[in-house]
């Protein structure tokens, strides 16, 4: 029986390491964000700028130049793109290219409120703080940024996630029970910024 417990412990440790590997690292996420910004810039140049120019309202602003109609429209495009792409596809174009998806930390389907808090509230806070909260991905065990923490989500590498799902599906029921117990115990600790 003692030998069986040792095997279960090794199996659950292995699965937890595999879960850690599934979390997308900082640099692939950063590159995917750069790709998304380029895509958004191109879309704005092809749609927003011509429309505002034709309507002759491109230079109109409310009080200060930062509140121009062009800036407001571009900002709306930015948040709509990230929110809708993540909600419907679990990834943006940049994440698609690099094989990254966004998942709920509980393993359930992403809700619109999770995506809204992650992609709108989390990004507003992170962008306002000079993008520094994104660096938390480098220092947290679960590789989460402030926007992930706010949305209760993870960004995962699809390839490792698929491998992990196959291995978990083929697990012995006793090992699966022990893993669930460990995950429940560690979930809160893994999402801290210590």
N, C-alpha and C. Protein backbone atom coordinates (compact mmCIF):
# COMPACT_ATOMS: atom_id res chain seq x y z
N UNK A 1 0.83 -1.20 0.00
CA UNK A 1 0.00 0.00 0.00
C UNK A 1 0.87 1.26 0.00
N UNK A 2 1.97 1.21 0.77
CA UNK A 2 2.89 2.35 0.84
C UNK A 2 3.47 2.65 -0.53
N UNK A 3 3.80 1.58 -1.29
CA UNK A 3 4.35 1.76 -2.63
C UNK A 3 3.33 2.42 -3.55
N UNK A 4 2.06 2.02 -3.43
CA UNK A 4 0.99 2.60 -4.23
C UNK A 4 0.85 4.10 -3.93
N UNK A 5 0.93 4.50 -2.65
CA UNK A 5 0.87 5.92 -2.30
C UNK A 5 2.03 6.70 -2.90
N UNK A 6 3.22 6.08 -2.96
CA UNK A 6 4.37 6.73 -3.58
C UNK A 6 4.15 6.95 -5.07
N UNK A 7 3.56 5.98 -5.72
CA UNK A 7 3.26 6.11 -7.16
C UNK A 7 2.23 7.21 -7.38
N UNK A 8 1.17 7.23 -6.55
CA UNK A 8 0.15 8.27 -6.67
C UNK A 8 0.77 9.65 -6.47
N UNK A 9 1.64 9.78 -5.46
CA UNK A 9 2.28 11.06 -5.19
C UNK A 9 3.12 11.50 -6.39
N UNK A 10 3.88 10.57 -6.97
CA UNK A 10 4.70 10.90 -8.14
C UNK A 10 3.81 11.30 -9.32
N UNK A 11 2.72 10.56 -9.52
CA UNK A 11 1.80 10.88 -10.62
C UNK A 11 1.19 12.27 -10.46
N UNK A 12 0.73 12.58 -9.25
CA UNK A 12 0.10 13.88 -9.03
C UNK A 12 1.13 15.00 -9.15
N UNK A 13 2.35 14.76 -8.68
CA UNK A 13 3.42 15.76 -8.85
C UNK A 13 3.71 15.99 -10.32
N UNK A 14 3.74 14.90 -11.09
CA UNK A 14 4.00 14.99 -12.53
C UNK A 14 2.89 15.80 -13.22
N UNK A 15 1.64 15.52 -12.87
CA UNK A 15 0.52 16.24 -13.47
C UNK A 15 0.57 17.71 -13.10
N UNK A 16 0.92 18.02 -11.85
CA UNK A 16 1.02 19.43 -11.46
C UNK A 16 2.14 20.14 -12.22
N UNK A 17 3.24 19.45 -12.47
CA UNK A 17 4.31 20.05 -13.27
C UNK A 17 3.84 20.27 -14.70
N UNK A 18 3.08 19.32 -15.22
CA UNK A 18 2.53 19.47 -16.56
C UNK A 18 1.58 20.65 -16.62
N UNK A 19 0.75 20.82 -15.58
CA UNK A 19 -0.14 21.98 -15.51
C UNK A 19 0.66 23.28 -15.53
N UNK A 20 1.77 23.29 -14.79
CA UNK A 20 2.64 24.49 -14.77
C UNK A 20 3.18 24.77 -16.17
N UNK A 21 3.55 23.71 -16.88
CA UNK A 21 4.09 23.89 -18.24
C UNK A 21 3.03 24.40 -19.21
N UNK A 22 1.76 24.11 -18.94
CA UNK A 22 0.71 24.55 -19.86
C UNK A 22 0.51 26.06 -19.82
N UNK A 23 0.87 26.70 -18.72
CA UNK A 23 0.68 28.15 -18.61
C UNK A 23 1.64 28.87 -19.55
N UNK A 24 1.09 29.75 -20.37
CA UNK A 24 1.89 30.44 -21.38
C UNK A 24 2.86 31.41 -20.71
N UNK A 25 4.09 31.42 -21.18
CA UNK A 25 5.14 32.26 -20.63
C UNK A 25 5.00 33.71 -21.09
N UNK A 26 5.80 34.57 -20.51
CA UNK A 26 5.71 36.01 -20.78
C UNK A 26 6.02 36.36 -22.23
N UNK A 27 7.12 35.86 -22.78
CA UNK A 27 7.54 36.32 -24.12
C UNK A 27 6.59 35.91 -25.24
N UNK A 28 6.07 34.68 -25.27
CA UNK A 28 5.05 34.38 -26.29
C UNK A 28 3.81 35.27 -26.14
N UNK A 29 3.43 35.54 -24.91
CA UNK A 29 2.26 36.41 -24.68
C UNK A 29 2.57 37.84 -25.15
N UNK A 30 3.78 38.30 -24.89
CA UNK A 30 4.19 39.64 -25.32
C UNK A 30 4.18 39.74 -26.84
N UNK A 31 4.73 38.74 -27.52
CA UNK A 31 4.76 38.75 -28.99
C UNK A 31 3.34 38.70 -29.54
N UNK A 32 2.47 37.91 -28.92
CA UNK A 32 1.08 37.86 -29.39
C UNK A 32 0.40 39.22 -29.23
N UNK A 33 0.72 39.93 -28.14
CA UNK A 33 0.16 41.26 -27.93
C UNK A 33 0.65 42.24 -29.00
N UNK A 34 1.92 42.16 -29.35
CA UNK A 34 2.47 43.03 -30.41
C UNK A 34 1.75 42.74 -31.73
N UNK A 35 1.53 41.48 -32.04
CA UNK A 35 0.80 41.11 -33.27
C UNK A 35 -0.60 41.70 -33.24
N UNK A 36 -1.28 41.61 -32.10
CA UNK A 36 -2.63 42.15 -31.96
C UNK A 36 -2.64 43.66 -32.13
N UNK A 37 -1.66 44.34 -31.59
CA UNK A 37 -1.59 45.80 -31.74
C UNK A 37 -1.39 46.18 -33.20
N UNK A 38 -0.57 45.44 -33.92
CA UNK A 38 -0.35 45.69 -35.36
C UNK A 38 -1.65 45.46 -36.13
N UNK A 39 -2.37 44.38 -35.80
CA UNK A 39 -3.65 44.10 -36.45
C UNK A 39 -4.64 45.23 -36.19
N UNK A 40 -4.72 45.67 -34.94
CA UNK A 40 -5.64 46.76 -34.59
C UNK A 40 -5.27 48.05 -35.29
N UNK A 41 -3.98 48.34 -35.38
CA UNK A 41 -3.54 49.55 -36.09
C UNK A 41 -3.98 49.47 -37.56
N UNK A 42 -3.79 48.31 -38.20
CA UNK A 42 -4.16 48.14 -39.61
C UNK A 42 -5.68 48.30 -39.79
N UNK A 43 -6.45 47.70 -38.90
CA UNK A 43 -7.91 47.80 -39.00
C UNK A 43 -8.35 49.25 -38.82
N UNK A 44 -7.75 49.95 -37.87
CA UNK A 44 -8.09 51.36 -37.66
C UNK A 44 -7.74 52.20 -38.88
N UNK A 45 -6.61 51.92 -39.49
CA UNK A 45 -6.20 52.67 -40.68
C UNK A 45 -7.12 52.41 -41.87
N UNK A 46 -7.67 51.20 -41.94
CA UNK A 46 -8.53 50.84 -43.07
C UNK A 46 -10.00 51.16 -42.85
N UNK A 47 -10.41 51.36 -41.60
CA UNK A 47 -11.83 51.60 -41.35
C UNK A 47 -12.09 52.93 -40.64
N UNK A 48 -11.59 53.08 -39.44
CA UNK A 48 -11.92 54.24 -38.62
C UNK A 48 -11.44 55.54 -39.25
N UNK A 49 -10.19 55.59 -39.65
CA UNK A 49 -9.62 56.83 -40.20
C UNK A 49 -10.35 57.27 -41.47
N UNK A 50 -10.57 56.37 -42.46
CA UNK A 50 -11.32 56.81 -43.65
C UNK A 50 -12.75 57.27 -43.35
N UNK A 51 -13.43 56.55 -42.45
CA UNK A 51 -14.82 56.93 -42.12
C UNK A 51 -14.86 58.30 -41.46
N UNK A 52 -13.99 58.53 -40.50
CA UNK A 52 -13.96 59.83 -39.82
C UNK A 52 -13.53 60.95 -40.76
N UNK A 53 -12.65 60.62 -41.70
CA UNK A 53 -12.21 61.63 -42.68
C UNK A 53 -13.36 62.00 -43.61
N UNK A 54 -14.10 61.00 -44.09
CA UNK A 54 -15.24 61.26 -44.97
C UNK A 54 -16.31 62.08 -44.24
N UNK A 55 -16.54 61.77 -42.97
CA UNK A 55 -17.54 62.49 -42.19
C UNK A 55 -17.01 63.85 -41.69
N UNK A 56 -15.74 64.12 -41.95
CA UNK A 56 -15.08 65.36 -41.56
C UNK A 56 -15.15 65.62 -40.05
N UNK A 57 -14.97 64.55 -39.27
CA UNK A 57 -14.97 64.70 -37.82
C UNK A 57 -13.69 64.13 -37.19
N UNK A 58 -12.70 63.86 -38.02
CA UNK A 58 -11.47 63.26 -37.51
C UNK A 58 -10.76 64.17 -36.51
N UNK A 59 -10.79 65.46 -36.70
CA UNK A 59 -10.11 66.40 -35.82
C UNK A 59 -10.96 66.90 -34.65
N UNK A 60 -12.19 66.45 -34.55
CA UNK A 60 -13.08 66.92 -33.49
C UNK A 60 -12.67 66.25 -32.17
N UNK A 61 -12.63 67.07 -31.11
CA UNK A 61 -12.30 66.52 -29.80
C UNK A 61 -13.14 67.20 -28.73
N UNK A 62 -13.19 66.55 -27.56
CA UNK A 62 -14.01 67.03 -26.45
C UNK A 62 -13.11 67.58 -25.35
N UNK A 63 -12.91 68.87 -25.34
CA UNK A 63 -12.12 69.52 -24.30
C UNK A 63 -10.62 69.46 -24.52
N UNK A 64 -10.08 68.25 -24.62
CA UNK A 64 -8.64 68.10 -24.86
C UNK A 64 -8.44 67.17 -26.06
N UNK A 65 -7.29 67.28 -26.69
CA UNK A 65 -7.04 66.50 -27.90
C UNK A 65 -7.03 65.00 -27.64
N UNK A 66 -6.69 64.60 -26.42
CA UNK A 66 -6.69 63.16 -26.11
C UNK A 66 -8.09 62.57 -26.20
N UNK A 67 -9.12 63.41 -26.07
CA UNK A 67 -10.50 62.95 -26.18
C UNK A 67 -11.08 63.22 -27.56
N UNK A 68 -10.26 63.00 -28.57
CA UNK A 68 -10.75 63.18 -29.94
C UNK A 68 -11.63 61.99 -30.33
N UNK A 69 -12.48 62.20 -31.30
CA UNK A 69 -13.35 61.12 -31.78
C UNK A 69 -12.50 59.96 -32.32
N UNK A 70 -11.39 60.29 -32.94
CA UNK A 70 -10.49 59.25 -33.46
C UNK A 70 -9.94 58.39 -32.32
N UNK A 71 -9.47 59.01 -31.25
CA UNK A 71 -8.94 58.25 -30.11
C UNK A 71 -10.01 57.42 -29.43
N UNK A 72 -11.20 57.99 -29.29
CA UNK A 72 -12.30 57.26 -28.65
C UNK A 72 -12.69 56.04 -29.49
N UNK A 73 -12.80 56.22 -30.80
CA UNK A 73 -13.16 55.11 -31.69
C UNK A 73 -12.08 54.03 -31.69
N UNK A 74 -10.82 54.44 -31.70
CA UNK A 74 -9.71 53.48 -31.68
C UNK A 74 -9.68 52.71 -30.36
N UNK A 75 -9.93 53.39 -29.26
CA UNK A 75 -9.97 52.74 -27.94
C UNK A 75 -11.12 51.74 -27.87
N UNK A 76 -12.28 52.12 -28.38
CA UNK A 76 -13.42 51.19 -28.41
C UNK A 76 -13.09 49.95 -29.25
N UNK A 77 -12.45 50.16 -30.39
CA UNK A 77 -12.03 49.04 -31.24
C UNK A 77 -11.09 48.12 -30.46
N UNK A 78 -10.14 48.69 -29.75
CA UNK A 78 -9.16 47.93 -28.95
C UNK A 78 -9.87 47.01 -27.95
N UNK A 79 -10.76 47.59 -27.15
CA UNK A 79 -11.43 46.80 -26.11
C UNK A 79 -12.45 45.82 -26.69
N UNK A 80 -13.15 46.20 -27.74
CA UNK A 80 -14.09 45.28 -28.38
C UNK A 80 -13.35 44.08 -28.99
N UNK A 81 -12.23 44.36 -29.64
CA UNK A 81 -11.43 43.29 -30.25
C UNK A 81 -11.00 42.26 -29.20
N UNK A 82 -10.35 42.73 -28.14
CA UNK A 82 -9.86 41.80 -27.12
C UNK A 82 -11.00 41.08 -26.41
N UNK A 83 -12.05 41.79 -26.08
CA UNK A 83 -13.16 41.19 -25.34
C UNK A 83 -13.91 40.17 -26.19
N UNK A 84 -14.31 40.55 -27.40
CA UNK A 84 -15.11 39.65 -28.22
C UNK A 84 -14.31 38.45 -28.74
N UNK A 85 -13.07 38.69 -29.17
CA UNK A 85 -12.25 37.57 -29.65
C UNK A 85 -12.01 36.56 -28.52
N UNK A 86 -11.71 37.07 -27.33
CA UNK A 86 -11.44 36.17 -26.21
C UNK A 86 -12.70 35.43 -25.78
N UNK A 87 -13.84 36.12 -25.77
CA UNK A 87 -15.07 35.46 -25.35
C UNK A 87 -15.51 34.39 -26.34
N UNK A 88 -15.51 34.71 -27.62
CA UNK A 88 -16.03 33.76 -28.61
C UNK A 88 -15.00 32.71 -29.03
N UNK A 89 -13.72 33.07 -29.12
CA UNK A 89 -12.72 32.14 -29.64
C UNK A 89 -11.67 31.72 -28.61
N UNK A 90 -11.69 32.31 -27.41
CA UNK A 90 -10.70 32.08 -26.36
C UNK A 90 -9.31 32.58 -26.74
N UNK A 91 -9.20 33.30 -27.82
CA UNK A 91 -7.90 33.80 -28.25
C UNK A 91 -8.07 34.92 -29.28
N UNK A 92 -7.06 35.77 -29.34
CA UNK A 92 -7.02 36.81 -30.36
C UNK A 92 -6.18 36.29 -31.53
N UNK A 93 -6.04 37.07 -32.58
CA UNK A 93 -5.24 36.61 -33.73
C UNK A 93 -3.79 36.35 -33.33
N UNK A 94 -3.22 37.23 -32.51
CA UNK A 94 -1.85 37.02 -32.04
C UNK A 94 -1.71 35.73 -31.25
N UNK A 95 -2.67 35.45 -30.39
CA UNK A 95 -2.64 34.21 -29.61
C UNK A 95 -2.84 33.00 -30.52
N UNK A 96 -3.68 33.13 -31.56
CA UNK A 96 -3.87 32.02 -32.51
C UNK A 96 -2.55 31.67 -33.18
N UNK A 97 -1.83 32.68 -33.62
CA UNK A 97 -0.56 32.46 -34.32
C UNK A 97 0.43 31.74 -33.41
N UNK A 98 0.45 32.10 -32.13
CA UNK A 98 1.43 31.52 -31.19
C UNK A 98 0.88 30.33 -30.40
N UNK A 99 -0.35 29.91 -30.67
CA UNK A 99 -0.89 28.72 -30.02
C UNK A 99 -1.21 28.91 -28.55
N UNK A 100 -1.77 30.07 -28.22
CA UNK A 100 -2.12 30.38 -26.83
C UNK A 100 -3.63 30.58 -26.75
N UNK A 101 -4.23 30.10 -25.67
CA UNK A 101 -5.65 30.31 -25.42
C UNK A 101 -5.85 30.82 -24.01
N UNK A 102 -7.02 31.41 -23.77
CA UNK A 102 -7.39 31.87 -22.43
C UNK A 102 -8.44 30.91 -21.90
N UNK A 103 -8.22 30.42 -20.67
CA UNK A 103 -9.17 29.50 -20.05
C UNK A 103 -9.53 30.00 -18.66
N UNK A 104 -10.65 29.54 -18.16
CA UNK A 104 -11.05 29.85 -16.79
C UNK A 104 -10.16 29.08 -15.83
N UNK A 105 -9.85 29.66 -14.70
CA UNK A 105 -8.99 28.98 -13.72
C UNK A 105 -9.68 27.76 -13.12
N UNK A 106 -10.99 27.71 -13.21
CA UNK A 106 -11.74 26.59 -12.66
C UNK A 106 -11.98 25.49 -13.70
N UNK A 107 -11.52 25.70 -14.91
CA UNK A 107 -11.69 24.70 -15.96
C UNK A 107 -13.06 24.72 -16.62
N UNK A 108 -13.89 25.70 -16.28
CA UNK A 108 -15.22 25.81 -16.87
C UNK A 108 -15.15 26.74 -18.09
N UNK A 109 -16.27 26.83 -18.79
CA UNK A 109 -16.36 27.73 -19.95
C UNK A 109 -16.20 29.18 -19.47
N UNK A 110 -15.48 29.97 -20.25
CA UNK A 110 -15.32 31.38 -19.91
C UNK A 110 -16.67 32.08 -19.93
N UNK A 111 -16.93 32.86 -18.89
CA UNK A 111 -18.15 33.65 -18.88
C UNK A 111 -17.85 35.04 -19.43
N UNK A 112 -18.89 35.74 -19.86
CA UNK A 112 -18.67 37.07 -20.40
C UNK A 112 -18.13 38.01 -19.33
N UNK A 113 -18.59 37.85 -18.08
CA UNK A 113 -18.08 38.73 -17.02
C UNK A 113 -16.60 38.48 -16.77
N UNK A 114 -16.15 37.23 -16.83
CA UNK A 114 -14.71 36.95 -16.68
C UNK A 114 -13.92 37.65 -17.78
N UNK A 115 -14.38 37.50 -19.01
CA UNK A 115 -13.68 38.09 -20.14
C UNK A 115 -13.72 39.62 -20.06
N UNK A 116 -14.87 40.18 -19.69
CA UNK A 116 -14.98 41.63 -19.56
C UNK A 116 -14.00 42.15 -18.51
N UNK A 117 -13.97 41.50 -17.34
CA UNK A 117 -13.06 41.96 -16.30
C UNK A 117 -11.60 41.78 -16.71
N UNK A 118 -11.30 40.68 -17.41
CA UNK A 118 -9.92 40.44 -17.83
C UNK A 118 -9.49 41.44 -18.91
N UNK A 119 -10.31 41.54 -19.95
CA UNK A 119 -9.90 42.29 -21.13
C UNK A 119 -10.20 43.79 -21.06
N UNK A 120 -11.12 44.20 -20.24
CA UNK A 120 -11.44 45.63 -20.15
C UNK A 120 -10.91 46.22 -18.84
N UNK A 121 -11.44 45.77 -17.73
CA UNK A 121 -11.02 46.32 -16.45
C UNK A 121 -9.53 46.05 -16.21
N UNK A 122 -9.12 44.80 -16.38
CA UNK A 122 -7.72 44.44 -16.16
C UNK A 122 -6.76 45.19 -17.06
N UNK A 123 -7.13 45.34 -18.34
CA UNK A 123 -6.25 46.05 -19.28
C UNK A 123 -6.22 47.55 -19.01
N UNK A 124 -7.36 48.14 -18.61
CA UNK A 124 -7.37 49.57 -18.27
C UNK A 124 -6.41 49.82 -17.11
N UNK A 125 -6.50 49.00 -16.08
CA UNK A 125 -5.62 49.17 -14.93
C UNK A 125 -4.17 48.94 -15.33
N UNK A 126 -3.89 47.86 -16.05
CA UNK A 126 -2.51 47.54 -16.44
C UNK A 126 -1.93 48.60 -17.36
N UNK A 127 -2.71 49.07 -18.33
CA UNK A 127 -2.22 50.08 -19.27
C UNK A 127 -2.02 51.42 -18.57
N UNK A 128 -2.90 51.74 -17.63
CA UNK A 128 -2.78 52.99 -16.88
C UNK A 128 -1.51 52.99 -16.02
N UNK A 129 -1.14 51.82 -15.53
CA UNK A 129 0.06 51.69 -14.70
C UNK A 129 1.30 51.39 -15.55
N UNK A 130 1.32 51.95 -16.77
CA UNK A 130 2.47 51.87 -17.67
C UNK A 130 2.86 50.44 -18.04
N UNK A 131 1.88 49.55 -18.15
CA UNK A 131 2.05 48.16 -18.57
C UNK A 131 2.85 47.32 -17.56
N UNK A 132 3.21 47.87 -16.42
CA UNK A 132 4.00 47.15 -15.43
C UNK A 132 3.30 45.91 -14.86
N UNK A 133 1.98 45.93 -14.63
CA UNK A 133 1.34 44.70 -14.09
C UNK A 133 1.45 43.48 -15.01
N UNK A 134 1.71 43.69 -16.30
CA UNK A 134 1.91 42.55 -17.19
C UNK A 134 3.18 41.79 -16.82
N UNK A 135 4.13 42.46 -16.20
CA UNK A 135 5.38 41.81 -15.81
C UNK A 135 5.18 40.80 -14.70
N UNK A 136 4.03 40.82 -14.04
CA UNK A 136 3.75 39.84 -12.99
C UNK A 136 3.80 38.42 -13.55
N UNK A 137 3.58 38.26 -14.85
CA UNK A 137 3.66 36.94 -15.50
C UNK A 137 5.04 36.33 -15.27
N UNK A 138 6.06 37.16 -15.22
CA UNK A 138 7.42 36.67 -15.01
C UNK A 138 7.66 36.16 -13.59
N UNK A 139 6.88 36.65 -12.63
CA UNK A 139 7.20 36.40 -11.23
C UNK A 139 6.19 35.54 -10.47
N UNK A 140 5.07 35.20 -11.07
CA UNK A 140 4.08 34.37 -10.38
C UNK A 140 4.24 32.92 -10.79
N UNK A 141 3.95 32.02 -9.87
CA UNK A 141 4.06 30.58 -10.15
C UNK A 141 3.15 30.15 -11.29
N UNK A 142 1.97 30.73 -11.34
CA UNK A 142 0.99 30.35 -12.36
C UNK A 142 1.11 31.18 -13.64
N UNK A 143 2.12 32.04 -13.71
CA UNK A 143 2.36 32.89 -14.88
C UNK A 143 1.13 33.73 -15.22
N UNK A 144 0.58 34.40 -14.20
CA UNK A 144 -0.59 35.25 -14.43
C UNK A 144 -0.22 36.71 -14.24
N UNK A 145 -0.84 37.54 -15.05
CA UNK A 145 -0.72 38.98 -14.88
C UNK A 145 -1.90 39.49 -14.07
N UNK A 146 -1.89 40.76 -13.79
CA UNK A 146 -2.99 41.35 -13.02
C UNK A 146 -4.33 41.15 -13.73
N UNK A 147 -4.34 41.29 -15.06
CA UNK A 147 -5.59 41.11 -15.81
C UNK A 147 -6.09 39.67 -15.72
N UNK A 148 -5.18 38.68 -15.66
CA UNK A 148 -5.59 37.28 -15.46
C UNK A 148 -6.18 37.11 -14.07
N UNK A 149 -5.53 37.71 -13.09
CA UNK A 149 -5.99 37.61 -11.70
C UNK A 149 -7.39 38.21 -11.56
N UNK A 150 -7.60 39.36 -12.17
CA UNK A 150 -8.91 40.03 -12.09
C UNK A 150 -9.99 39.20 -12.78
N UNK A 151 -9.66 38.60 -13.92
CA UNK A 151 -10.64 37.79 -14.66
C UNK A 151 -10.73 36.35 -14.21
N UNK A 152 -9.85 35.93 -13.27
CA UNK A 152 -9.81 34.55 -12.80
C UNK A 152 -9.57 33.59 -13.97
N UNK A 153 -8.53 33.92 -14.75
CA UNK A 153 -8.23 33.15 -15.96
C UNK A 153 -6.74 32.80 -16.01
N UNK A 154 -6.41 31.92 -16.94
CA UNK A 154 -5.03 31.59 -17.28
C UNK A 154 -4.87 31.71 -18.79
N UNK A 155 -3.68 32.06 -19.23
CA UNK A 155 -3.32 31.93 -20.64
C UNK A 155 -2.49 30.66 -20.74
N UNK A 156 -2.88 29.76 -21.64
CA UNK A 156 -2.22 28.46 -21.72
C UNK A 156 -1.65 28.21 -23.11
N UNK A 157 -0.59 27.42 -23.15
CA UNK A 157 -0.01 26.94 -24.40
C UNK A 157 -0.86 25.76 -24.84
N UNK A 158 -1.50 25.86 -25.98
CA UNK A 158 -2.46 24.84 -26.44
C UNK A 158 -1.85 23.45 -26.56
N UNK A 159 -0.61 23.38 -27.05
CA UNK A 159 0.03 22.08 -27.25
C UNK A 159 0.17 21.34 -25.92
N UNK A 160 0.70 21.99 -24.90
CA UNK A 160 0.86 21.34 -23.60
C UNK A 160 -0.48 21.09 -22.93
N UNK A 161 -1.43 21.96 -23.15
CA UNK A 161 -2.77 21.79 -22.57
C UNK A 161 -3.41 20.51 -23.13
N UNK A 162 -3.27 20.29 -24.43
CA UNK A 162 -3.83 19.07 -25.04
C UNK A 162 -3.16 17.83 -24.47
N UNK A 163 -1.83 17.84 -24.34
CA UNK A 163 -1.12 16.70 -23.76
C UNK A 163 -1.61 16.44 -22.34
N UNK A 164 -1.72 17.50 -21.55
CA UNK A 164 -2.16 17.36 -20.17
C UNK A 164 -3.57 16.80 -20.08
N UNK A 165 -4.45 17.25 -20.96
CA UNK A 165 -5.83 16.75 -20.96
C UNK A 165 -5.89 15.27 -21.29
N UNK A 166 -5.07 14.83 -22.25
CA UNK A 166 -5.04 13.41 -22.62
C UNK A 166 -4.53 12.58 -21.45
N UNK A 167 -3.47 13.04 -20.80
CA UNK A 167 -2.91 12.29 -19.67
C UNK A 167 -3.90 12.24 -18.51
N UNK A 168 -4.55 13.37 -18.22
CA UNK A 168 -5.54 13.37 -17.13
C UNK A 168 -6.71 12.45 -17.43
N UNK A 169 -7.09 12.38 -18.70
CA UNK A 169 -8.22 11.52 -19.10
C UNK A 169 -7.88 10.04 -18.88
N UNK A 170 -6.61 9.69 -19.03
CA UNK A 170 -6.19 8.30 -18.91
C UNK A 170 -5.72 7.93 -17.50
N UNK A 171 -5.88 8.83 -16.53
CA UNK A 171 -5.42 8.60 -15.17
C UNK A 171 -6.25 7.55 -14.45
N UNK A 172 -5.63 6.90 -13.52
CA UNK A 172 -6.31 5.96 -12.62
C UNK A 172 -7.25 6.79 -11.72
N UNK A 173 -8.47 6.32 -11.43
CA UNK A 173 -9.41 7.10 -10.62
C UNK A 173 -8.86 7.52 -9.25
N UNK A 174 -8.06 6.65 -8.61
CA UNK A 174 -7.48 7.00 -7.30
C UNK A 174 -6.51 8.17 -7.44
N UNK A 175 -5.69 8.14 -8.48
CA UNK A 175 -4.74 9.23 -8.74
C UNK A 175 -5.50 10.51 -9.06
N UNK A 176 -6.58 10.38 -9.82
CA UNK A 176 -7.39 11.55 -10.17
C UNK A 176 -7.99 12.21 -8.92
N UNK A 177 -8.46 11.39 -7.98
CA UNK A 177 -9.01 11.91 -6.73
C UNK A 177 -7.94 12.65 -5.93
N UNK A 178 -6.76 12.07 -5.82
CA UNK A 178 -5.66 12.70 -5.08
C UNK A 178 -5.23 14.01 -5.75
N UNK A 179 -5.22 14.02 -7.08
CA UNK A 179 -4.85 15.23 -7.81
C UNK A 179 -5.88 16.32 -7.55
N UNK A 180 -7.15 15.97 -7.57
CA UNK A 180 -8.21 16.95 -7.31
C UNK A 180 -8.06 17.54 -5.91
N UNK A 181 -7.74 16.70 -4.94
CA UNK A 181 -7.52 17.20 -3.58
C UNK A 181 -6.36 18.18 -3.53
N UNK A 182 -5.26 17.86 -4.20
CA UNK A 182 -4.10 18.75 -4.24
C UNK A 182 -4.43 20.06 -4.94
N UNK A 183 -5.15 19.97 -6.07
CA UNK A 183 -5.50 21.17 -6.82
C UNK A 183 -6.39 22.10 -6.00
N UNK A 184 -7.37 21.53 -5.31
CA UNK A 184 -8.26 22.34 -4.48
C UNK A 184 -7.48 23.05 -3.39
N UNK A 185 -6.50 22.35 -2.80
CA UNK A 185 -5.71 22.92 -1.72
C UNK A 185 -4.77 24.03 -2.24
N UNK A 186 -4.18 23.84 -3.42
CA UNK A 186 -3.16 24.77 -3.92
C UNK A 186 -3.70 25.88 -4.80
N UNK A 187 -4.96 25.80 -5.26
CA UNK A 187 -5.47 26.77 -6.23
C UNK A 187 -5.34 28.20 -5.73
N UNK A 188 -5.70 28.45 -4.50
CA UNK A 188 -5.62 29.80 -3.95
C UNK A 188 -4.16 30.24 -3.82
N UNK A 189 -3.30 29.34 -3.36
CA UNK A 189 -1.89 29.70 -3.17
C UNK A 189 -1.21 30.00 -4.49
N UNK A 190 -1.57 29.29 -5.57
CA UNK A 190 -0.92 29.50 -6.87
C UNK A 190 -1.27 30.84 -7.49
N UNK A 191 -2.40 31.43 -7.12
CA UNK A 191 -2.83 32.66 -7.76
C UNK A 191 -2.46 33.90 -6.96
N UNK A 192 -1.50 33.77 -6.06
CA UNK A 192 -1.06 34.92 -5.28
C UNK A 192 0.15 35.56 -5.95
N UNK A 193 0.47 36.76 -5.57
CA UNK A 193 1.59 37.50 -6.14
C UNK A 193 2.79 37.51 -5.21
N UNK A 194 2.96 36.44 -4.41
CA UNK A 194 4.09 36.37 -3.48
C UNK A 194 5.40 36.21 -4.21
